[in-house]
Protein backbone atom coordinates (compact mmCIF):
# COMPACT_ATOMS: atom_id res chain seq x y z
CA MET A 1 -173.31 -18.91 4.28
CA GLU A 2 -170.49 -18.04 1.90
CA ALA A 3 -167.17 -19.49 3.06
CA SER A 4 -164.48 -16.96 3.81
CA LYS A 5 -160.79 -17.21 3.03
CA LYS A 6 -157.86 -18.69 4.97
CA LEU A 7 -158.36 -17.01 8.34
CA ASN A 8 -161.98 -18.05 8.32
CA ASN A 9 -161.45 -21.68 7.36
CA THR A 10 -161.85 -22.36 11.03
CA PRO A 11 -162.71 -24.08 13.22
CA ASP A 12 -161.27 -27.50 12.43
CA LEU A 13 -163.41 -30.64 12.56
CA ASN A 14 -163.06 -30.80 16.34
CA GLY A 15 -164.18 -27.21 16.81
CA TYR A 16 -160.80 -25.59 17.43
CA PHE A 17 -159.64 -22.15 16.37
CA GLY A 18 -155.93 -22.77 16.84
CA GLU A 19 -155.75 -24.01 20.44
CA TYR A 20 -159.09 -22.48 21.43
CA GLY A 21 -162.61 -23.87 21.31
CA GLY A 22 -163.35 -27.57 21.50
CA THR A 23 -166.01 -29.49 23.41
CA PHE A 24 -165.47 -29.84 27.15
CA VAL A 25 -168.84 -31.21 28.21
CA PRO A 26 -170.29 -34.21 30.08
CA ASP A 27 -170.50 -37.39 28.01
CA GLN A 28 -174.29 -37.18 27.90
CA LEU A 29 -174.03 -33.98 25.83
CA ARG A 30 -171.43 -35.11 23.32
CA GLU A 31 -173.88 -37.11 21.23
CA ILE A 32 -176.42 -34.26 21.31
CA LEU A 33 -173.83 -31.70 20.23
CA ALA A 34 -172.66 -34.00 17.44
CA GLU A 35 -176.27 -34.20 16.24
CA ILE A 36 -176.56 -30.39 16.31
CA THR A 37 -173.29 -30.09 14.38
CA ASP A 38 -174.41 -32.54 11.70
CA SER A 39 -177.81 -30.88 11.38
CA TYR A 40 -176.30 -27.42 11.12
CA LEU A 41 -173.71 -28.46 8.50
CA GLN A 42 -176.54 -29.90 6.42
CA ILE A 43 -179.00 -27.02 6.68
CA ARG A 44 -176.45 -24.28 6.01
CA GLU A 45 -176.12 -25.75 2.50
CA ASP A 46 -179.88 -26.29 2.10
CA PRO A 47 -181.35 -23.81 -0.43
CA ASP A 48 -184.73 -23.85 1.34
CA PHE A 49 -183.19 -22.95 4.71
CA ILE A 50 -181.00 -20.26 3.16
CA SER A 51 -184.00 -18.79 1.35
CA GLU A 52 -186.22 -18.83 4.45
CA LEU A 53 -183.60 -17.14 6.60
CA ALA A 54 -182.80 -14.57 3.91
CA SER A 55 -186.52 -13.75 3.58
CA LEU A 56 -186.82 -13.22 7.34
CA TYR A 57 -183.73 -11.02 7.34
CA ARG A 58 -185.15 -8.83 4.61
CA HIS A 59 -188.86 -8.70 5.39
CA TYR A 60 -188.88 -9.24 9.17
CA VAL A 61 -185.58 -7.95 10.57
CA GLY A 62 -185.25 -5.13 8.04
CA ARG A 63 -181.89 -6.11 6.57
CA PRO A 64 -179.71 -4.83 5.14
CA SER A 65 -179.07 -2.46 8.03
CA PRO A 66 -177.68 0.84 6.71
CA VAL A 67 -174.18 2.24 6.91
CA TYR A 68 -174.37 5.84 8.13
CA HIS A 69 -171.73 8.58 7.89
CA ALA A 70 -171.63 10.40 11.24
CA ALA A 71 -170.61 13.70 9.67
CA THR A 72 -171.23 15.89 12.71
CA LEU A 73 -169.24 13.67 15.05
CA SER A 74 -166.45 13.33 12.48
CA LYS A 75 -166.22 17.10 12.06
CA LYS A 76 -166.31 17.73 15.79
CA LEU A 77 -163.37 15.41 16.35
CA GLY A 78 -161.42 16.87 13.45
CA GLY A 79 -160.00 13.54 12.38
CA ALA A 80 -161.06 10.48 10.40
CA GLY A 81 -164.49 9.96 8.90
CA ILE A 82 -166.68 7.89 11.22
CA TYR A 83 -169.30 5.49 9.86
CA PHE A 84 -171.74 3.26 11.72
CA LYS A 85 -173.16 -0.07 10.67
CA ARG A 86 -176.63 0.44 12.12
CA GLU A 87 -177.46 -2.92 13.71
CA ASP A 88 -179.41 -0.90 16.28
CA LEU A 89 -182.08 -0.43 13.61
CA ASN A 90 -182.80 -4.16 13.33
CA HIS A 91 -186.13 -5.50 14.61
CA THR A 92 -185.60 -6.08 18.37
CA GLY A 93 -182.90 -3.39 18.48
CA ALA A 94 -179.62 -5.24 18.10
CA HIS A 95 -177.53 -7.68 16.09
CA LYS A 96 -178.72 -10.63 18.21
CA ILE A 97 -181.75 -11.31 16.00
CA ASN A 98 -179.37 -12.43 13.21
CA HIS A 99 -178.32 -15.63 14.96
CA CYS A 100 -181.48 -16.12 17.02
CA LEU A 101 -183.57 -16.62 13.90
CA GLY A 102 -181.01 -19.05 12.52
CA GLU A 103 -180.88 -21.04 15.75
CA ALA A 104 -184.67 -21.11 16.08
CA LEU A 105 -185.14 -22.36 12.52
CA LEU A 106 -182.52 -25.05 13.11
CA ALA A 107 -184.16 -26.10 16.38
CA LYS A 108 -187.56 -26.40 14.71
CA ARG A 109 -186.15 -28.48 11.87
CA MET A 110 -184.56 -30.77 14.45
CA GLY A 111 -187.95 -31.28 16.13
CA LYS A 112 -187.10 -29.41 19.34
CA LYS A 113 -189.96 -28.02 21.43
CA LYS A 114 -188.30 -25.32 23.51
CA LEU A 115 -185.53 -22.74 23.15
CA ILE A 116 -183.53 -21.91 26.26
CA ALA A 117 -180.82 -19.31 26.71
CA GLU A 118 -179.05 -16.90 29.00
CA THR A 119 -179.08 -13.15 28.65
CA GLY A 120 -177.19 -10.26 30.23
CA ALA A 121 -178.34 -6.98 28.76
CA GLY A 122 -181.52 -8.67 27.59
CA GLN A 123 -180.89 -8.11 23.88
CA HIS A 124 -180.31 -11.81 23.21
CA GLY A 125 -183.29 -12.67 25.39
CA VAL A 126 -185.61 -10.34 23.48
CA ALA A 127 -184.30 -11.57 20.14
CA LEU A 128 -184.72 -15.23 21.09
CA ALA A 129 -188.20 -14.65 22.53
CA THR A 130 -189.06 -12.98 19.22
CA ALA A 131 -187.64 -15.89 17.21
CA ALA A 132 -189.54 -18.34 19.42
CA ALA A 133 -192.78 -16.46 18.82
CA ILE A 134 -192.44 -16.50 15.05
CA THR A 135 -191.43 -20.18 14.94
CA GLY A 136 -193.99 -21.37 17.48
CA LEU A 137 -191.51 -22.67 20.06
CA ALA A 138 -191.58 -22.30 23.84
CA CYS A 139 -188.83 -20.15 25.34
CA ASP A 140 -187.07 -19.96 28.72
CA ILE A 141 -184.61 -17.11 29.39
CA TYR A 142 -182.23 -17.24 32.36
CA MET A 143 -181.18 -13.83 33.64
CA GLY A 144 -179.29 -12.64 36.70
CA THR A 145 -181.35 -10.70 39.22
CA VAL A 146 -178.95 -7.75 39.02
CA ASP A 147 -179.49 -7.55 35.27
CA ILE A 148 -183.24 -8.03 35.63
CA GLU A 149 -183.41 -4.89 37.74
CA LYS A 150 -180.99 -2.97 35.53
CA GLU A 151 -182.54 -3.93 32.19
CA HIS A 152 -186.20 -4.13 33.14
CA PRO A 153 -187.53 -2.76 29.81
CA ASN A 154 -186.10 -5.81 28.05
CA VAL A 155 -187.49 -8.11 30.75
CA THR A 156 -190.93 -6.68 30.05
CA ARG A 157 -190.47 -7.23 26.32
CA MET A 158 -189.50 -10.87 26.84
CA LYS A 159 -192.59 -11.50 28.94
CA ILE A 160 -194.90 -9.79 26.44
CA LEU A 161 -193.41 -11.97 23.69
CA GLY A 162 -194.34 -15.08 25.68
CA ALA A 163 -190.98 -16.11 27.13
CA ARG A 164 -190.55 -17.29 30.70
CA VAL A 165 -187.87 -15.16 32.40
CA ILE A 166 -186.16 -17.20 35.12
CA PRO A 167 -184.25 -15.15 37.74
CA VAL A 168 -180.77 -16.31 38.76
CA SER A 169 -179.54 -15.08 42.15
CA ASP A 170 -176.34 -17.14 42.52
CA GLY A 171 -172.96 -15.42 42.86
CA LEU A 172 -172.90 -11.96 41.32
CA ALA A 173 -176.29 -12.65 39.71
CA THR A 174 -175.15 -11.43 36.30
CA LEU A 175 -174.33 -12.98 32.91
CA LYS A 176 -171.90 -15.72 33.97
CA GLU A 177 -174.37 -17.06 36.54
CA ALA A 178 -177.18 -16.92 33.99
CA VAL A 179 -175.08 -19.09 31.65
CA ASP A 180 -174.42 -21.54 34.49
CA ALA A 181 -178.13 -21.85 35.21
CA ALA A 182 -179.08 -22.27 31.55
CA PHE A 183 -176.50 -25.03 31.12
CA ARG A 184 -177.88 -26.86 34.16
CA ALA A 185 -181.39 -26.63 32.74
CA TYR A 186 -180.21 -27.87 29.36
CA LEU A 187 -178.54 -30.91 30.94
CA GLU A 188 -181.90 -31.90 32.42
CA ASP A 189 -183.45 -32.33 28.97
CA PRO A 190 -181.17 -31.94 25.94
CA LEU A 191 -183.50 -34.00 23.77
CA THR A 192 -186.50 -31.68 23.52
CA GLN A 193 -184.74 -28.40 24.36
CA PHE A 194 -182.32 -26.42 22.20
CA TYR A 195 -179.81 -24.20 23.97
CA ALA A 196 -179.57 -21.13 21.73
CA ILE A 197 -176.27 -19.70 22.97
CA GLY A 198 -176.19 -15.92 22.78
CA SER A 199 -172.70 -15.29 21.44
CA VAL A 200 -169.71 -16.91 19.72
CA VAL A 201 -168.97 -18.90 22.88
CA GLY A 202 -169.72 -22.34 24.26
CA PRO A 203 -168.81 -25.80 22.99
CA HIS A 204 -168.58 -26.63 19.29
CA PRO A 205 -170.56 -26.00 17.07
CA PHE A 206 -171.90 -22.80 18.66
CA PRO A 207 -168.91 -20.45 18.11
CA MET A 208 -168.90 -21.48 14.44
CA MET A 209 -172.66 -21.42 14.02
CA VAL A 210 -173.26 -18.02 15.64
CA ARG A 211 -170.30 -16.60 13.69
CA ASP A 212 -171.78 -17.86 10.44
CA PHE A 213 -175.18 -16.30 11.14
CA GLN A 214 -173.61 -13.00 12.21
CA GLN A 215 -171.24 -12.61 9.26
CA VAL A 216 -174.10 -11.11 7.27
CA VAL A 217 -173.13 -7.84 9.01
CA GLY A 218 -169.69 -7.66 7.43
CA GLN A 219 -170.81 -9.09 4.12
CA GLU A 220 -173.34 -6.28 3.76
CA ALA A 221 -170.89 -3.66 4.99
CA ILE A 222 -168.26 -4.36 2.34
CA GLY A 223 -170.59 -3.47 -0.50
CA GLN A 224 -172.32 -0.63 1.34
CA PHE A 225 -169.14 1.09 2.46
CA THR A 226 -167.52 0.76 -0.96
CA GLN A 227 -170.61 2.19 -2.64
CA LEU A 228 -170.73 5.07 -0.15
CA THR A 229 -167.04 6.00 -0.17
CA GLY A 230 -165.42 4.30 -3.15
CA ALA A 231 -163.05 2.30 -0.94
CA LEU A 232 -162.88 -0.15 1.94
CA PRO A 233 -162.68 1.24 5.49
CA ASP A 234 -159.24 1.83 6.95
CA ASN A 235 -160.30 0.75 10.44
CA LEU A 236 -162.97 -1.45 12.01
CA VAL A 237 -164.19 -1.11 15.61
CA ALA A 238 -166.64 -3.20 17.66
CA CYS A 239 -167.23 -3.93 21.33
CA VAL A 240 -166.35 -7.39 22.66
CA GLY A 241 -168.01 -9.30 25.47
CA GLY A 242 -168.55 -12.81 24.16
CA GLY A 243 -167.84 -11.29 20.76
CA SER A 244 -170.69 -12.02 18.35
CA ASN A 245 -171.23 -8.51 16.98
CA ALA A 246 -167.48 -8.04 16.51
CA ILE A 247 -167.02 -11.35 14.68
CA GLY A 248 -170.04 -10.46 12.59
CA LEU A 249 -168.34 -7.33 11.31
CA PHE A 250 -164.72 -8.52 11.29
CA THR A 251 -165.13 -11.84 9.44
CA ALA A 252 -165.58 -10.40 5.96
CA PHE A 253 -162.51 -8.17 6.35
CA LEU A 254 -160.00 -10.49 8.01
CA ASP A 255 -158.07 -11.18 4.81
CA GLU A 256 -157.67 -7.49 3.97
CA PRO A 257 -154.29 -6.81 5.65
CA SER A 258 -154.45 -3.05 5.09
CA ILE A 259 -157.50 -2.76 7.37
CA LYS A 260 -156.77 -2.31 11.08
CA ILE A 261 -159.24 -4.08 13.34
CA TYR A 262 -160.00 -3.18 16.96
CA GLY A 263 -162.07 -5.07 19.53
CA VAL A 264 -163.06 -3.03 22.60
CA GLU A 265 -163.42 -4.62 26.03
CA PRO A 266 -164.69 -3.10 29.30
CA SER A 267 -162.12 -1.92 31.84
CA GLY A 268 -165.09 -1.07 34.05
CA ARG A 269 -164.08 0.67 37.27
CA GLY A 270 -160.38 -0.20 36.88
CA PHE A 271 -158.09 -3.21 36.54
CA LYS A 272 -158.61 -4.70 39.99
CA ASP A 273 -160.09 -8.22 40.02
CA GLY A 274 -163.87 -7.95 40.00
CA ASP A 275 -163.88 -4.40 38.64
CA HIS A 276 -163.50 -5.13 34.93
CA ALA A 277 -164.14 -7.71 32.19
CA ALA A 278 -161.04 -7.15 30.04
CA THR A 279 -160.66 -10.83 29.22
CA LEU A 280 -158.36 -10.64 26.21
CA SER A 281 -156.25 -7.91 27.77
CA LEU A 282 -155.64 -9.54 31.16
CA GLY A 283 -156.82 -13.15 30.95
CA LYS A 284 -154.98 -16.34 30.12
CA PRO A 285 -156.10 -19.56 28.41
CA GLY A 286 -158.59 -21.60 30.41
CA ILE A 287 -161.84 -23.53 30.16
CA ILE A 288 -165.33 -22.19 30.84
CA HIS A 289 -168.80 -23.35 29.81
CA GLY A 290 -167.54 -26.18 27.63
CA PHE A 291 -164.79 -24.46 25.62
CA LYS A 292 -161.24 -23.12 25.86
CA CYS A 293 -160.58 -19.40 25.52
CA TYR A 294 -158.83 -16.50 27.18
CA LEU A 295 -160.32 -16.40 30.66
CA LEU A 296 -160.15 -14.14 33.69
CA GLN A 297 -159.32 -16.75 36.33
CA ASP A 298 -157.85 -17.29 39.75
CA GLU A 299 -154.86 -19.49 40.58
CA ALA A 300 -157.09 -22.57 40.65
CA GLY A 301 -158.42 -21.83 37.15
CA ASP A 302 -161.88 -20.80 38.35
CA PRO A 303 -163.49 -17.76 36.69
CA LEU A 304 -162.97 -14.47 38.49
CA PRO A 305 -165.86 -12.10 39.22
CA VAL A 306 -166.21 -9.43 36.54
CA HIS A 307 -167.91 -6.08 36.11
CA SER A 308 -169.05 -3.77 33.35
CA ILE A 309 -171.66 -1.05 33.27
CA ALA A 310 -172.82 -2.84 30.11
CA SER A 311 -174.52 -6.06 31.19
CA GLY A 312 -173.83 -7.70 27.83
CA LEU A 313 -170.06 -7.36 28.31
CA ASP A 314 -169.59 -8.64 31.86
CA TYR A 315 -168.42 -12.17 31.02
CA PRO A 316 -165.08 -13.65 32.21
CA GLY A 317 -164.50 -15.58 28.97
CA VAL A 318 -164.61 -14.67 25.28
CA GLY A 319 -165.21 -16.34 21.94
CA PRO A 320 -162.47 -18.81 20.93
CA GLN A 321 -162.05 -17.17 17.54
CA HIS A 322 -161.28 -13.86 19.24
CA SER A 323 -158.68 -15.67 21.36
CA TYR A 324 -157.14 -17.06 18.17
CA LEU A 325 -157.17 -13.67 16.43
CA LYS A 326 -155.44 -12.10 19.42
CA ASP A 327 -152.65 -14.65 19.27
CA LEU A 328 -152.29 -14.13 15.52
CA GLY A 329 -152.12 -10.38 16.06
CA ARG A 330 -154.80 -9.82 13.43
CA VAL A 331 -157.12 -7.98 15.83
CA ARG A 332 -155.96 -5.52 18.46
CA TYR A 333 -157.97 -5.56 21.66
CA GLU A 334 -158.32 -2.28 23.60
CA THR A 335 -160.26 -1.24 26.72
CA ILE A 336 -162.74 1.48 27.68
CA SER A 337 -163.94 2.33 31.18
CA ASP A 338 -167.50 2.68 32.46
CA ASP A 339 -167.17 6.47 32.62
CA GLU A 340 -165.76 6.71 29.09
CA ALA A 341 -168.62 4.57 27.77
CA VAL A 342 -171.27 6.71 29.46
CA GLU A 343 -169.74 9.90 28.08
CA ALA A 344 -169.71 8.38 24.58
CA PHE A 345 -173.36 7.39 25.11
CA PHE A 346 -174.24 11.08 25.56
CA VAL A 347 -171.85 12.34 22.86
CA LEU A 348 -173.45 10.18 20.18
CA SER A 349 -176.93 11.04 21.41
CA ARG A 350 -176.27 14.78 21.37
CA LEU A 351 -174.28 15.02 18.13
CA GLU A 352 -176.01 12.45 15.93
CA GLY A 353 -179.39 11.84 17.56
CA ILE A 354 -178.52 8.17 18.08
CA ILE A 355 -178.87 6.67 21.57
CA PRO A 356 -176.56 3.63 21.63
CA ALA A 357 -176.61 0.61 23.89
CA LEU A 358 -174.02 0.86 26.65
CA GLU A 359 -172.27 -2.10 25.04
CA SER A 360 -171.99 -0.24 21.74
CA ALA A 361 -170.97 2.93 23.59
CA HIS A 362 -167.67 1.22 24.43
CA ALA A 363 -166.93 0.98 20.70
CA VAL A 364 -168.01 4.60 20.23
CA ALA A 365 -165.72 5.76 23.06
CA PHE A 366 -162.70 4.04 21.54
CA THR A 367 -163.60 5.42 18.12
CA ILE A 368 -163.58 8.95 19.55
CA LYS A 369 -160.03 8.38 20.77
CA LEU A 370 -158.90 6.71 17.55
CA ALA A 371 -160.39 9.32 15.21
CA ARG A 372 -158.34 12.09 16.79
CA THR A 373 -155.11 10.27 15.93
CA LEU A 374 -155.92 9.76 12.25
CA ALA A 375 -155.73 11.98 9.20
CA ARG A 376 -158.95 13.36 7.74
CA ASP A 377 -158.69 11.09 4.71
CA LYS A 378 -158.87 7.96 6.87
CA SER A 379 -162.08 6.15 7.81
CA ILE A 380 -163.48 4.11 10.70
CA LEU A 381 -166.39 1.70 10.40
CA VAL A 382 -168.03 0.96 13.77
CA ASN A 383 -170.52 -1.78 14.47
CA LEU A 384 -173.28 0.00 16.37
CA SER A 385 -174.51 -3.31 17.73
CA GLY A 386 -177.58 -2.16 19.66
CA ARG A 387 -179.78 0.75 20.65
CA GLY A 388 -179.98 2.20 24.12
CA ASP A 389 -183.69 1.98 24.93
CA LYS A 390 -182.91 -0.66 27.54
CA ASP A 391 -180.30 1.56 29.24
CA ILE A 392 -181.96 4.96 29.45
CA ASP A 393 -183.54 4.52 32.89
CA TYR A 394 -180.30 3.22 34.40
CA VAL A 395 -178.20 5.95 32.80
CA MET A 396 -180.52 8.74 33.90
CA LYS A 397 -180.75 7.38 37.44
CA HIS A 398 -176.98 7.22 37.86
CA TYR A 399 -175.68 9.90 35.47
CA GLY A 400 -178.63 12.18 34.72
CA ARG A 401 -177.61 14.90 37.16
CA ARG A 402 -174.19 15.15 35.54
CA TYR A 403 -175.22 15.06 31.89
CA CYS A 404 -178.77 16.45 32.05
CA PRO A 405 -178.66 19.19 34.72
CA PRO A 406 -181.76 21.34 35.38
CA ASN A 407 -180.20 24.39 33.73
CA GLY A 408 -179.48 22.50 30.54
CA TYR A 409 -176.56 20.74 28.99
CA SER A 410 -173.32 22.58 28.34
CA TRP A 411 -170.58 21.63 25.88
CA PRO A 412 -167.80 20.51 25.75
CA MET A 413 -167.34 16.95 26.84
CA SER A 414 -163.97 15.29 26.35
CA THR A 415 -164.52 15.46 22.58
CA GLY A 416 -164.36 19.24 22.60
């Protein structure tokens, strides 16, 4: 858990990244969250905990995940060299396992009996069910009914791993509602349950804790990229919903001013309320799920409905550290539409033999645009946060006729 430099000496003791973060929860939870904070601050310095987690990362997850030069894609675009940090190759298929193992080990050391969480795309749910299995804890996963239907392969995985998947049909029945339901369940019994939040969101200490577990991504990438190319990357790109995979990559590079950093949000079907989840682009400061962040909200301050083809990105809030980095101007936040993400999904599959998660495809789509604007001697490092196994049925059902016609696929797409 190596401490980073000035930009990463956050949050403060009250859990704030600048004006964002904090702990806006019922009084009954404050003492519990203080206990979690104290326990986490102790174990992150404990050599036995560090060693156990490092061993699981290496021998169970398969870390370090490789950095891969996408030479064919780079050549096709005629611009910068494109490299992927292959978090999709982790056990369970995404970056989520990095913090789920850390949270599960912490929960067990605190004497908790059950892990509970929300999930959207199902990647966090699968990772937490996996962590629960290996640590011997019970596991409840709350998931919107829309996402259950859309991401049914991950629902099946969670059940096989022994988790109880609890459908949530309120509202839009997607990620925000799943979080609401998980919080309500946690309030019923915060003593024996541990709410393993799935991103760098929620009340303190979760944005800090998940960030710390995820920063292994960037720490590995610095050495790998330098060894591969002889220099640091010129640009970093990652998708942003809650923001855990992005913070995981960005953290190690924040104090390198020459590196441009881009977070990519979903513009969905367009910028009408309910058609997108471009929180940092169009939101304003507000409070959701126990913390302050940029928030898509109505005039009363209530969260607006959101949409993204990627279930893991359709959240009206965002991590408080991302909100802080936006205000500082250190990270630039861009948007990609549903259609652009789907096209990038097929581009990467066809040119590099890598089927990305729809969440990650947003980062790939922006990278395609960015690469064209850069000289050939420039580089882009992309966090490929997850693989697309969970999305293939949905994509083929809705886009198969366009991209996989009976007479075969014909080039070019927009990258041509």
